[in-house]
């Protein structure tokens, strides 16, 4: 049995992995796939790949592209979710800010440096025509940290996946003042170079298993009820999310990579662009 370590956020996008693990589908082909939930998100997973704390990460496209260009010895092997991530823009429910235009030049809660919550704050600011060279960030690590920061006023707004934060909106903790979809596929699968070199067939087998599941995921009986229960969501919200979400079984294209890198470069988030071969490898 070959042990491979994988990390991802504890969100509904990753239920297919848990179903495959729980059903013994990886064990059946001689792979012990050890999953680690990473509520801190992309910045933490980039560090885990660098440190060898995980072999694979199911990770935000823009975050891992930035980190690979910055020296992370990993490659993107496949797109995992083709549809955009819809980032909700949230303030405290009792905040004086009531619209996106109100939050220009205010403090932004982010999970950590290099996280999607930070990178998308730049994208949103650019979309709004704001200056992006003096954004002020407060590191909060997790959603719970963001709740504390927005409630006590140490930060003013927080961007996170809209549906995962919906219960906080429903419960009167957050107010969502807008959305900011990613202009590219949201999640990719990244693997450390060392693992790709040593175990290419194992990685290919893992992708084969997960791709079969994601292809049929929406047809699983009562999957909406399973998701609603596991992630504490309303069934209507889950069904809306399912209608908007498309998984992928394909590699990242050079065209999409160029789109991501061009935006990161234009926002001064990366100082140089990497080549397709430096960032993407198909197995």
C-alpha atoms as a PDB file:
ATOM      1  CA  UNK A   1       0.000   0.000   0.000  1.00  0.00           C
ATOM      2  CA  UNK A   2       1.480   3.332  -1.089  1.00  0.00           C
ATOM      3  CA  UNK A   3       0.721   6.327   1.159  1.00  0.00           C
ATOM      4  CA  UNK A   4       0.083   9.676  -0.521  1.00  0.00           C
ATOM      5  CA  UNK A   5      -0.789  12.815   1.453  1.00  0.00           C
ATOM      6  CA  UNK A   6      -3.421  15.213   0.110  1.00  0.00           C
ATOM      7  CA  UNK A   7      -4.754  18.512   1.474  1.00  0.00           C
ATOM      8  CA  UNK A   8      -7.788  20.666   0.713  1.00  0.00           C
ATOM      9  CA  UNK A   9     -10.244  23.078   2.257  1.00  0.00           C
ATOM     10  CA  UNK A  10     -13.111  21.621   4.334  1.00  0.00           C
ATOM     11  CA  UNK A  11     -15.697  22.745   1.800  1.00  0.00           C
ATOM     12  CA  UNK A  12     -18.386  21.163  -0.368  1.00  0.00           C
ATOM     13  CA  UNK A  13     -16.162  21.186  -3.469  1.00  0.00           C
ATOM     14  CA  UNK A  14     -14.077  18.426  -1.904  1.00  0.00           C
ATOM     15  CA  UNK A  15     -16.839  15.986  -0.962  1.00  0.00           C
ATOM     16  CA  UNK A  16     -15.974  13.805  -4.010  1.00  0.00           C
ATOM     17  CA  UNK A  17     -12.569  13.077  -2.462  1.00  0.00           C
ATOM     18  CA  UNK A  18     -14.122  12.051   0.852  1.00  0.00           C
ATOM     19  CA  UNK A  19     -16.632   9.782  -0.884  1.00  0.00           C
ATOM     20  CA  UNK A  20     -13.825   8.025  -2.781  1.00  0.00           C
ATOM     21  CA  UNK A  21     -11.769   7.612   0.398  1.00  0.00           C
ATOM     22  CA  UNK A  22     -14.740   6.422   2.477  1.00  0.00           C
ATOM     23  CA  UNK A  23     -15.770   3.966  -0.252  1.00  0.00           C
ATOM     24  CA  UNK A  24     -12.281   2.456  -0.308  1.00  0.00           C
ATOM     25  CA  UNK A  25     -11.740   3.297  -3.978  1.00  0.00           C
ATOM     26  CA  UNK A  26      -8.099   4.304  -3.509  1.00  0.00           C
ATOM     27  CA  UNK A  27      -7.371   1.360  -1.201  1.00  0.00           C
ATOM     28  CA  UNK A  28      -8.744  -0.961  -3.882  1.00  0.00           C
ATOM     29  CA  UNK A  29      -5.862   0.079  -6.160  1.00  0.00           C
ATOM     30  CA  UNK A  30      -3.214  -0.056  -3.441  1.00  0.00           C
ATOM     31  CA  UNK A  31      -3.172   3.617  -2.447  1.00  0.00           C
ATOM     32  CA  UNK A  32      -3.582   4.927   1.102  1.00  0.00           C
ATOM     33  CA  UNK A  33      -4.720   8.497   0.406  1.00  0.00           C
ATOM     34  CA  UNK A  34      -4.398  10.517   3.630  1.00  0.00           C
ATOM     35  CA  UNK A  35      -6.609  13.614   3.541  1.00  0.00           C
ATOM     36  CA  UNK A  36      -5.888  16.720   5.660  1.00  0.00           C
ATOM     37  CA  UNK A  37      -8.459  19.494   6.028  1.00  0.00           C
ATOM     38  CA  UNK A  38      -6.846  22.934   5.788  1.00  0.00           C
ATOM     39  CA  UNK A  39      -9.346  25.598   6.907  1.00  0.00           C
ATOM     40  CA  UNK A  40      -6.641  28.274   6.519  1.00  0.00           C
ATOM     41  CA  UNK A  41      -6.837  27.763   2.755  1.00  0.00           C
ATOM     42  CA  UNK A  42      -4.451  28.261  -0.139  1.00  0.00           C
ATOM     43  CA  UNK A  43      -1.596  30.111   1.563  1.00  0.00           C
ATOM     44  CA  UNK A  44      -1.223  27.335   4.133  1.00  0.00           C
ATOM     45  CA  UNK A  45      -1.409  24.607   1.463  1.00  0.00           C
ATOM     46  CA  UNK A  46       1.306  26.304  -0.581  1.00  0.00           C
ATOM     47  CA  UNK A  47       3.537  26.160   2.497  1.00  0.00           C
ATOM     48  CA  UNK A  48       2.614  22.488   3.065  1.00  0.00           C
ATOM     49  CA  UNK A  49       3.668  21.630  -0.503  1.00  0.00           C
ATOM     50  CA  UNK A  50       6.960  23.455  -0.002  1.00  0.00           C
ATOM     51  CA  UNK A  51       7.589  21.709   3.329  1.00  0.00           C
ATOM     52  CA  UNK A  52       6.579  18.241   2.109  1.00  0.00           C
ATOM     53  CA  UNK A  53       3.720  18.201   4.642  1.00  0.00           C
ATOM     54  CA  UNK A  54       1.441  17.246   1.758  1.00  0.00           C
ATOM     55  CA  UNK A  55       2.098  15.617  -1.615  1.00  0.00           C
ATOM     56  CA  UNK A  56      -1.034  16.893  -3.360  1.00  0.00           C
ATOM     57  CA  UNK A  57      -3.142  20.019  -2.824  1.00  0.00           C
ATOM     58  CA  UNK A  58      -6.605  20.788  -4.156  1.00  0.00           C
ATOM     59  CA  UNK A  59      -5.962  24.479  -4.332  1.00  0.00           C
ATOM     60  CA  UNK A  60      -7.063  27.808  -5.790  1.00  0.00           C
ATOM     61  CA  UNK A  61      -5.666  28.388  -9.273  1.00  0.00           C
ATOM     62  CA  UNK A  62      -4.361  31.922  -8.747  1.00  0.00           C
ATOM     63  CA  UNK A  63      -2.727  31.065  -5.417  1.00  0.00           C
ATOM     64  CA  UNK A  64      -0.723  28.074  -6.614  1.00  0.00           C
ATOM     65  CA  UNK A  65       0.290  29.805  -9.866  1.00  0.00           C
ATOM     66  CA  UNK A  66       1.689  32.690  -7.798  1.00  0.00           C
ATOM     67  CA  UNK A  67       3.542  30.304  -5.488  1.00  0.00           C
ATOM     68  CA  UNK A  68       5.016  28.110  -8.237  1.00  0.00           C
ATOM     69  CA  UNK A  69       6.302  31.248  -9.991  1.00  0.00           C
ATOM     70  CA  UNK A  70       7.747  32.190  -6.586  1.00  0.00           C
ATOM     71  CA  UNK A  71       9.674  28.929  -6.293  1.00  0.00           C
ATOM     72  CA  UNK A  72       7.240  26.288  -5.010  1.00  0.00           C
ATOM     73  CA  UNK A  73       8.616  22.981  -6.399  1.00  0.00           C
ATOM     74  CA  UNK A  74       5.216  21.724  -7.595  1.00  0.00           C
ATOM     75  CA  UNK A  75       3.191  21.446 -10.787  1.00  0.00           C
ATOM     76  CA  UNK A  76      -0.488  21.795 -11.666  1.00  0.00           C
ATOM     77  CA  UNK A  77      -1.594  18.413 -13.050  1.00  0.00           C
ATOM     78  CA  UNK A  78      -5.263  19.123 -13.684  1.00  0.00           C
ATOM     79  CA  UNK A  79      -8.162  21.532 -13.316  1.00  0.00           C
ATOM     80  CA  UNK A  80     -10.471  20.248 -10.566  1.00  0.00           C
ATOM     81  CA  UNK A  81     -13.370  22.725 -10.685  1.00  0.00           C
ATOM     82  CA  UNK A  82     -13.930  24.417 -14.044  1.00  0.00           C
ATOM     83  CA  UNK A  83     -16.496  26.987 -12.928  1.00  0.00           C
ATOM     84  CA  UNK A  84     -15.489  30.245 -11.207  1.00  0.00           C
ATOM     85  CA  UNK A  85     -15.386  30.569  -7.439  1.00  0.00           C
ATOM     86  CA  UNK A  86     -17.959  33.122  -6.344  1.00  0.00           C
ATOM     87  CA  UNK A  87     -16.318  35.204  -3.644  1.00  0.00           C
ATOM     88  CA  UNK A  88     -18.800  36.913  -1.350  1.00  0.00           C
ATOM     89  CA  UNK A  89     -17.702  40.315  -0.062  1.00  0.00           C
ATOM     90  CA  UNK A  90     -18.716  40.504   3.590  1.00  0.00           C
ATOM     91  CA  UNK A  91     -18.851  43.100   6.339  1.00  0.00           C
ATOM     92  CA  UNK A  92     -20.082  42.768   9.897  1.00  0.00           C
ATOM     93  CA  UNK A  93     -23.869  42.825  10.076  1.00  0.00           C
ATOM     94  CA  UNK A  94     -23.683  45.970  12.242  1.00  0.00           C
ATOM     95  CA  UNK A  95     -21.048  47.658  10.070  1.00  0.00           C
ATOM     96  CA  UNK A  96     -21.501  51.231   8.855  1.00  0.00           C
ATOM     97  CA  UNK A  97     -20.475  49.989   5.390  1.00  0.00           C
ATOM     98  CA  UNK A  98     -23.446  48.916   3.281  1.00  0.00           C
ATOM     99  CA  UNK A  99     -22.101  48.730  -0.298  1.00  0.00           C
ATOM    100  CA  UNK A 100     -18.905  47.877  -2.170  1.00  0.00           C
ATOM    101  CA  UNK A 101     -18.184  51.559  -2.812  1.00  0.00           C
ATOM    102  CA  UNK A 102     -18.155  52.144   0.972  1.00  0.00           C
ATOM    103  CA  UNK A 103     -15.208  49.797   1.619  1.00  0.00           C
ATOM    104  CA  UNK A 104     -12.564  51.495  -0.516  1.00  0.00           C
ATOM    105  CA  UNK A 105      -9.444  52.190   1.600  1.00  0.00           C
ATOM    106  CA  UNK A 106     -10.647  50.030   4.520  1.00  0.00           C
ATOM    107  CA  UNK A 107      -8.931  47.066   6.212  1.00  0.00           C
ATOM    108  CA  UNK A 108      -9.286  43.659   4.573  1.00  0.00           C
ATOM    109  CA  UNK A 109      -9.349  40.413   6.577  1.00  0.00           C
ATOM    110  CA  UNK A 110      -7.388  37.630   4.834  1.00  0.00           C
ATOM    111  CA  UNK A 111      -6.598  34.078   5.899  1.00  0.00           C
ATOM    112  CA  UNK A 112      -2.858  34.595   5.299  1.00  0.00           C
ATOM    113  CA  UNK A 113      -0.424  36.155   2.845  1.00  0.00           C
ATOM    114  CA  UNK A 114      -0.664  34.578  -0.607  1.00  0.00           C
ATOM    115  CA  UNK A 115      -4.162  33.289   0.078  1.00  0.00           C
ATOM    116  CA  UNK A 116      -7.073  33.498  -2.327  1.00  0.00           C
ATOM    117  CA  UNK A 117      -8.744  35.953   0.038  1.00  0.00           C
ATOM    118  CA  UNK A 118      -5.777  38.294  -0.441  1.00  0.00           C
ATOM    119  CA  UNK A 119      -5.327  37.805  -4.195  1.00  0.00           C
ATOM    120  CA  UNK A 120      -9.026  38.241  -4.912  1.00  0.00           C
ATOM    121  CA  UNK A 121      -9.053  41.438  -2.851  1.00  0.00           C
ATOM    122  CA  UNK A 122      -6.620  42.805  -5.438  1.00  0.00           C
ATOM    123  CA  UNK A 123      -8.809  41.535  -8.284  1.00  0.00           C
ATOM    124  CA  UNK A 124     -11.915  43.104  -6.742  1.00  0.00           C
ATOM    125  CA  UNK A 125     -10.146  46.412  -6.087  1.00  0.00           C
ATOM    126  CA  UNK A 126      -8.973  46.481  -9.690  1.00  0.00           C
ATOM    127  CA  UNK A 127     -12.519  45.688 -10.892  1.00  0.00           C
ATOM    128  CA  UNK A 128     -13.788  48.664  -8.877  1.00  0.00           C
ATOM    129  CA  UNK A 129     -11.149  51.017 -10.266  1.00  0.00           C
ATOM    130  CA  UNK A 130      -9.473  51.452  -6.874  1.00  0.00           C
ATOM    131  CA  UNK A 131      -5.742  51.842  -6.335  1.00  0.00           C
ATOM    132  CA  UNK A 132      -4.241  48.450  -5.534  1.00  0.00           C
ATOM    133  CA  UNK A 133      -0.778  49.471  -4.320  1.00  0.00           C
ATOM    134  CA  UNK A 134      -1.793  50.377  -0.769  1.00  0.00           C
ATOM    135  CA  UNK A 135      -4.365  47.754   0.252  1.00  0.00           C
ATOM    136  CA  UNK A 136      -4.233  47.084   3.995  1.00  0.00           C
ATOM    137  CA  UNK A 137      -4.541  43.473   5.175  1.00  0.00           C
ATOM    138  CA  UNK A 138      -5.235  41.855   8.550  1.00  0.00           C
ATOM    139  CA  UNK A 139      -4.326  38.148   8.823  1.00  0.00           C
ATOM    140  CA  UNK A 140      -7.151  36.187  10.495  1.00  0.00           C
ATOM    141  CA  UNK A 141      -6.245  32.565   9.519  1.00  0.00           C
ATOM    142  CA  UNK A 142      -9.774  31.110   9.329  1.00  0.00           C
ATOM    143  CA  UNK A 143     -13.447  32.033   8.911  1.00  0.00           C
ATOM    144  CA  UNK A 144     -13.775  32.070  12.712  1.00  0.00           C
ATOM    145  CA  UNK A 145     -10.884  34.536  12.829  1.00  0.00           C
ATOM    146  CA  UNK A 146     -12.660  36.690  10.254  1.00  0.00           C
ATOM    147  CA  UNK A 147     -15.850  36.677  12.345  1.00  0.00           C
ATOM    148  CA  UNK A 148     -13.854  37.944  15.336  1.00  0.00           C
ATOM    149  CA  UNK A 149     -11.998  40.579  13.297  1.00  0.00           C
ATOM    150  CA  UNK A 150     -15.109  42.001  11.610  1.00  0.00           C
ATOM    151  CA  UNK A 151     -17.145  41.890  14.817  1.00  0.00           C
ATOM    152  CA  UNK A 152     -14.549  43.714  16.921  1.00  0.00           C
ATOM    153  CA  UNK A 153     -13.571  46.112  14.129  1.00  0.00           C
ATOM    154  CA  UNK A 154      -9.921  45.135  13.633  1.00  0.00           C
ATOM    155  CA  UNK A 155     -10.828  44.514   9.981  1.00  0.00           C
ATOM    156  CA  UNK A 156     -13.628  45.904   7.844  1.00  0.00           C
ATOM    157  CA  UNK A 157     -14.395  43.337   5.137  1.00  0.00           C
ATOM    158  CA  UNK A 158     -13.669  39.742   4.245  1.00  0.00           C
ATOM    159  CA  UNK A 159     -13.893  37.836   0.970  1.00  0.00           C
ATOM    160  CA  UNK A 160     -14.677  34.109   1.078  1.00  0.00           C
ATOM    161  CA  UNK A 161     -16.634  31.551  -0.917  1.00  0.00           C
ATOM    162  CA  UNK A 162     -20.214  32.817  -0.977  1.00  0.00           C
ATOM    163  CA  UNK A 163     -22.023  29.610  -0.060  1.00  0.00           C
ATOM    164  CA  UNK A 164     -19.710  28.592   2.800  1.00  0.00           C
ATOM    165  CA  UNK A 165     -20.298  31.994   4.413  1.00  0.00           C
ATOM    166  CA  UNK A 166     -24.051  32.010   3.718  1.00  0.00           C
ATOM    167  CA  UNK A 167     -24.941  30.573   7.182  1.00  0.00           C
ATOM    168  CA  UNK A 168     -23.102  33.531   8.761  1.00  0.00           C
ATOM    169  CA  UNK A 169     -25.211  35.884   6.638  1.00  0.00           C
ATOM    170  CA  UNK A 170     -28.408  34.000   7.475  1.00  0.00           C
ATOM    171  CA  UNK A 171     -27.566  34.141  11.185  1.00  0.00           C
ATOM    172  CA  UNK A 172     -27.058  37.899  11.146  1.00  0.00           C
ATOM    173  CA  UNK A 173     -23.295  37.820  11.738  1.00  0.00           C
ATOM    174  CA  UNK A 174     -22.152  38.930   8.287  1.00  0.00           C
ATOM    175  CA  UNK A 175     -23.771  41.161   5.678  1.00  0.00           C
ATOM    176  CA  UNK A 176     -22.868  40.283   2.088  1.00  0.00           C
ATOM    177  CA  UNK A 177     -22.542  43.498   0.085  1.00  0.00           C
ATOM    178  CA  UNK A 178     -21.483  41.989  -3.224  1.00  0.00           C
ATOM    179  CA  UNK A 179     -19.864  39.151  -5.145  1.00  0.00           C
ATOM    180  CA  UNK A 180     -16.611  38.806  -7.075  1.00  0.00           C
ATOM    181  CA  UNK A 181     -16.341  35.695  -9.290  1.00  0.00           C
ATOM    182  CA  UNK A 182     -12.896  34.487 -10.315  1.00  0.00           C
ATOM    183  CA  UNK A 183     -12.242  35.152 -14.017  1.00  0.00           C
ATOM    184  CA  UNK A 184     -10.876  31.601 -14.411  1.00  0.00           C
ATOM    185  CA  UNK A 185     -11.480  27.994 -13.215  1.00  0.00           C
ATOM    186  CA  UNK A 186     -11.263  28.099  -9.451  1.00  0.00           C
ATOM    187  CA  UNK A 187      -9.613  24.887  -8.201  1.00  0.00           C
ATOM    188  CA  UNK A 188      -6.713  22.894  -9.594  1.00  0.00           C
ATOM    189  CA  UNK A 189      -4.817  19.827  -8.393  1.00  0.00           C
ATOM    190  CA  UNK A 190      -1.138  20.488  -7.671  1.00  0.00           C
ATOM    191  CA  UNK A 191       1.519  17.872  -6.906  1.00  0.00           C
ATOM    192  CA  UNK A 192       5.051  18.206  -5.558  1.00  0.00           C
ATOM    193  CA  UNK A 193       7.734  17.690  -8.234  1.00  0.00           C
ATOM    194  CA  UNK A 194       9.406  14.976  -6.144  1.00  0.00           C
ATOM    195  CA  UNK A 195       6.211  12.925  -6.051  1.00  0.00           C
ATOM    196  CA  UNK A 196       5.549  13.441  -9.769  1.00  0.00           C
ATOM    197  CA  UNK A 197       9.028  12.165 -10.528  1.00  0.00           C
ATOM    198  CA  UNK A 198       8.886   9.148  -8.174  1.00  0.00           C
ATOM    199  CA  UNK A 199       5.244   8.114  -8.526  1.00  0.00           C
ATOM    200  CA  UNK A 200       3.768   9.343 -11.839  1.00  0.00           C
ATOM    201  CA  UNK A 201       1.622   6.221 -12.263  1.00  0.00           C
ATOM    202  CA  UNK A 202       0.195   6.575  -8.749  1.00  0.00           C
ATOM    203  CA  UNK A 203      -0.785  10.183  -9.413  1.00  0.00           C
ATOM    204  CA  UNK A 204      -2.385   9.154 -12.719  1.00  0.00           C
ATOM    205  CA  UNK A 205      -4.394   6.461 -10.888  1.00  0.00           C
ATOM    206  CA  UNK A 206      -5.560   8.960  -8.251  1.00  0.00           C
ATOM    207  CA  UNK A 207      -6.744  11.343 -10.956  1.00  0.00           C
ATOM    208  CA  UNK A 208      -8.564   8.533 -12.739  1.00  0.00           C
ATOM    209  CA  UNK A 209     -10.514   7.635  -9.591  1.00  0.00           C
ATOM    210  CA  UNK A 210     -11.482  11.196  -8.657  1.00  0.00           C
ATOM    211  CA  UNK A 211     -12.414  12.061 -12.254  1.00  0.00           C
ATOM    212  CA  UNK A 212     -14.862   9.178 -12.464  1.00  0.00           C
ATOM    213  CA  UNK A 213     -16.532  10.415  -9.286  1.00  0.00           C
ATOM    214  CA  UNK A 214     -16.710  14.095 -10.261  1.00  0.00           C
ATOM    215  CA  UNK A 215     -18.201  13.173 -13.654  1.00  0.00           C
ATOM    216  CA  UNK A 216     -21.140  11.474 -11.895  1.00  0.00           C
ATOM    217  CA  UNK A 217     -21.216  13.528  -8.689  1.00  0.00           C
ATOM    218  CA  UNK A 218     -24.415  15.478  -9.390  1.00  0.00           C
ATOM    219  CA  UNK A 219     -26.273  12.255 -10.208  1.00  0.00           C
ATOM    220  CA  UNK A 220     -25.549  10.619  -6.835  1.00  0.00           C
ATOM    221  CA  UNK A 221     -28.949  10.000  -5.146  1.00  0.00           C
ATOM    222  CA  UNK A 222     -29.790  12.665  -2.537  1.00  0.00           C
ATOM    223  CA  UNK A 223     -26.387  14.339  -2.947  1.00  0.00           C
ATOM    224  CA  UNK A 224     -28.010  17.699  -2.179  1.00  0.00           C
ATOM    225  CA  UNK A 225     -29.208  16.413   1.192  1.00  0.00           C
ATOM    226  CA  UNK A 226     -25.791  14.902   1.954  1.00  0.00           C
ATOM    227  CA  UNK A 227     -24.058  18.194   1.161  1.00  0.00           C
ATOM    228  CA  UNK A 228     -26.578  20.267   3.123  1.00  0.00           C
ATOM    229  CA  UNK A 229     -26.164  18.083   6.189  1.00  0.00           C
ATOM    230  CA  UNK A 230     -22.371  17.797   6.077  1.00  0.00           C
ATOM    231  CA  UNK A 231     -21.689  21.492   5.438  1.00  0.00           C
ATOM    232  CA  UNK A 232     -24.587  22.966   7.469  1.00  0.00           C
ATOM    233  CA  UNK A 233     -26.267  24.545   4.454  1.00  0.00           C
ATOM    234  CA  UNK A 234     -29.860  25.122   3.423  1.00  0.00           C
ATOM    235  CA  UNK A 235     -30.993  22.714   0.718  1.00  0.00           C
ATOM    236  CA  UNK A 236     -31.985  25.601  -1.600  1.00  0.00           C
ATOM    237  CA  UNK A 237     -28.504  27.114  -1.294  1.00  0.00           C
ATOM    238  CA  UNK A 238     -26.882  23.750  -2.029  1.00  0.00           C
ATOM    239  CA  UNK A 239     -29.044  23.255  -5.113  1.00  0.00           C
ATOM    240  CA  UNK A 240     -28.130  26.717  -6.359  1.00  0.00           C
ATOM    241  CA  UNK A 241     -24.450  25.962  -5.729  1.00  0.00           C
ATOM    242  CA  UNK A 242     -24.719  22.620  -7.562  1.00  0.00           C
ATOM    243  CA  UNK A 243     -26.321  24.352 -10.546  1.00  0.00           C
ATOM    244  CA  UNK A 244     -23.375  26.794 -10.737  1.00  0.00           C
ATOM    245  CA  UNK A 245     -20.536  24.334 -10.131  1.00  0.00           C
ATOM    246  CA  UNK A 246     -18.845  22.292 -12.864  1.00  0.00           C
ATOM    247  CA  UNK A 247     -16.040  19.864 -12.073  1.00  0.00           C
ATOM    248  CA  UNK A 248     -13.289  19.240 -14.602  1.00  0.00           C
ATOM    249  CA  UNK A 249     -11.311  16.205 -15.710  1.00  0.00           C
ATOM    250  CA  UNK A 250      -8.962  18.116 -18.012  1.00  0.00           C
ATOM    251  CA  UNK A 251      -5.481  19.668 -17.785  1.00  0.00           C
ATOM    252  CA  UNK A 252      -5.012  23.422 -17.352  1.00  0.00           C
ATOM    253  CA  UNK A 253      -4.675  25.019 -20.786  1.00  0.00           C
ATOM    254  CA  UNK A 254      -1.939  27.449 -21.724  1.00  0.00           C
ATOM    255  CA  UNK A 255      -4.605  30.035 -22.585  1.00  0.00           C
ATOM    256  CA  UNK A 256      -6.108  29.921 -19.074  1.00  0.00           C
ATOM    257  CA  UNK A 257      -2.665  29.954 -17.448  1.00  0.00           C
ATOM    258  CA  UNK A 258      -1.768  33.050 -19.469  1.00  0.00           C
ATOM    259  CA  UNK A 259      -4.976  34.751 -18.343  1.00  0.00           C
ATOM    260  CA  UNK A 260      -4.174  34.061 -14.674  1.00  0.00           C
ATOM    261  CA  UNK A 261      -0.535  35.117 -14.968  1.00  0.00           C
ATOM    262  CA  UNK A 262      -1.328  38.282 -16.936  1.00  0.00           C
ATOM    263  CA  UNK A 263      -3.761  39.460 -14.264  1.00  0.00           C
ATOM    264  CA  UNK A 264      -1.372  38.635 -11.406  1.00  0.00           C
ATOM    265  CA  UNK A 265       1.469  40.394 -13.248  1.00  0.00           C
ATOM    266  CA  UNK A 266      -0.601  43.477 -14.082  1.00  0.00           C
ATOM    267  CA  UNK A 267      -1.599  43.777 -10.410  1.00  0.00           C
ATOM    268  CA  UNK A 268       2.079  43.471  -9.345  1.00  0.00           C
ATOM    269  CA  UNK A 269       1.276  40.277  -7.422  1.00  0.00           C
ATOM    270  CA  UNK A 270       4.011  38.439  -9.354  1.00  0.00           C
ATOM    271  CA  UNK A 271       7.204  40.083 -10.622  1.00  0.00           C
ATOM    272  CA  UNK A 272       7.697  37.686 -13.535  1.00  0.00           C
ATOM    273  CA  UNK A 273       5.726  35.090 -15.453  1.00  0.00           C
ATOM    274  CA  UNK A 274       6.637  31.414 -15.528  1.00  0.00           C
ATOM    275  CA  UNK A 275       6.587  29.218 -18.612  1.00  0.00           C
ATOM    276  CA  UNK A 276       3.831  26.692 -19.187  1.00  0.00           C
ATOM    277  CA  UNK A 277       6.333  23.853 -18.601  1.00  0.00           C
ATOM    278  CA  UNK A 278       7.428  25.347 -15.280  1.00  0.00           C
ATOM    279  CA  UNK A 279       3.865  25.465 -13.945  1.00  0.00           C
ATOM    280  CA  UNK A 280       1.878  22.667 -15.620  1.00  0.00           C
ATOM    281  CA  UNK A 281       2.607  18.966 -16.093  1.00  0.00           C
ATOM    282  CA  UNK A 282       0.173  16.349 -17.349  1.00  0.00           C
ATOM    283  CA  UNK A 283       0.431  12.787 -16.072  1.00  0.00           C
END
